[in-house]
């Protein structure tokens, strides 16, 4: 798998920054075996905690992961 890109500046010019951050969260969860705390996601992605919270909340609302307290778990699709 290619290196994890979380910095929108390191992404291609046409990249959509929030999408890059959301995919970084999904990849970090996948690499951690499917479940990780939000602080663990912050550490794994090097994103600001507020960015992790927003990305995880959006992904949960879309059904890609489940949030239980401060724990994020990949949801079956």
Protein backbone atom coordinates (compact mmCIF):
# COMPACT_ATOMS: atom_id res chain seq x y z
CA UNK A 1 0.00 0.00 0.00
CA UNK A 2 1.36 3.48 -0.80
CA UNK A 3 2.42 5.71 2.10
CA UNK A 4 -0.33 7.32 4.12
CA UNK A 5 -0.92 10.90 2.88
CA UNK A 6 -2.68 13.08 5.44
CA UNK A 7 -1.22 16.45 4.58
CA UNK A 8 -3.29 18.11 1.84
CA UNK A 9 -0.12 19.94 0.76
CA UNK A 10 1.50 16.58 -0.06
CA UNK A 11 -1.51 15.42 -2.09
CA UNK A 12 -1.88 16.12 -5.81
CA UNK A 13 -3.02 19.63 -6.68
CA UNK A 14 -6.46 18.42 -7.75
CA UNK A 15 -7.04 16.55 -4.45
CA UNK A 16 -9.93 17.52 -2.16
CA UNK A 17 -8.41 18.08 1.30
CA UNK A 18 -11.35 16.79 3.41
CA UNK A 19 -11.49 13.66 1.27
CA UNK A 20 -7.74 13.10 1.77
CA UNK A 21 -8.26 13.36 5.55
CA UNK A 22 -11.25 11.00 5.52
CA UNK A 23 -9.37 8.38 3.55
CA UNK A 24 -6.41 8.75 5.92
CA UNK A 25 -8.75 7.91 8.81
CA UNK A 26 -10.12 4.86 6.98
CA UNK A 27 -6.62 3.63 6.09
CA UNK A 28 -5.36 4.10 9.64
CA UNK A 29 -8.31 2.08 10.96
CA UNK A 30 -7.68 -0.63 8.39
CA UNK A 31 -3.98 -0.83 9.25
CA UNK A 32 -4.87 -1.04 12.98
CA UNK A 33 -7.08 -4.07 12.45
CA UNK A 34 -10.36 -2.19 12.13
CA UNK A 35 -10.66 -0.45 15.49
CA UNK A 36 -8.84 2.43 17.14
CA UNK A 37 -9.52 5.16 19.66
CA UNK A 38 -9.85 8.71 18.40
CA UNK A 39 -6.57 9.71 20.04
CA UNK A 40 -4.95 6.72 18.32
CA UNK A 41 -6.36 7.93 15.01
CA UNK A 42 -4.95 11.37 15.72
CA UNK A 43 -1.52 9.86 16.31
CA UNK A 44 -1.71 7.45 13.33
CA UNK A 45 -2.79 10.13 10.85
CA UNK A 46 -0.94 13.16 12.29
CA UNK A 47 -4.18 15.10 11.87
CA UNK A 48 -5.51 17.64 14.37
CA UNK A 49 -7.97 16.09 16.83
CA UNK A 50 -10.75 18.33 15.50
CA UNK A 51 -10.09 17.01 11.98
CA UNK A 52 -10.19 13.42 13.23
CA UNK A 53 -13.46 14.11 15.07
CA UNK A 54 -15.09 15.70 12.01
CA UNK A 55 -13.87 13.02 9.60
CA UNK A 56 -14.91 10.19 11.93
CA UNK A 57 -18.31 11.79 12.53
CA UNK A 58 -18.93 12.19 8.82
CA UNK A 59 -17.77 8.64 8.05
CA UNK A 60 -20.02 7.30 10.84
CA UNK A 61 -23.02 9.24 9.48
CA UNK A 62 -22.33 7.69 6.06
CA UNK A 63 -22.10 4.18 7.53
CA UNK A 64 -18.39 3.57 6.93
CA UNK A 65 -17.53 3.30 10.62
CA UNK A 66 -19.17 3.09 14.02
CA UNK A 67 -18.39 5.43 16.88
CA UNK A 68 -18.89 4.17 20.41
CA UNK A 69 -17.64 6.74 22.87
CA UNK A 70 -14.09 7.52 21.78
CA UNK A 71 -13.67 4.25 19.85
CA UNK A 72 -13.97 4.11 16.05
CA UNK A 73 -14.56 0.77 14.34
CA UNK A 74 -14.81 0.06 10.62
CA UNK A 75 -18.38 -0.86 9.71
CA UNK A 76 -19.14 -3.67 7.29
CA UNK A 77 -20.28 -2.34 3.94
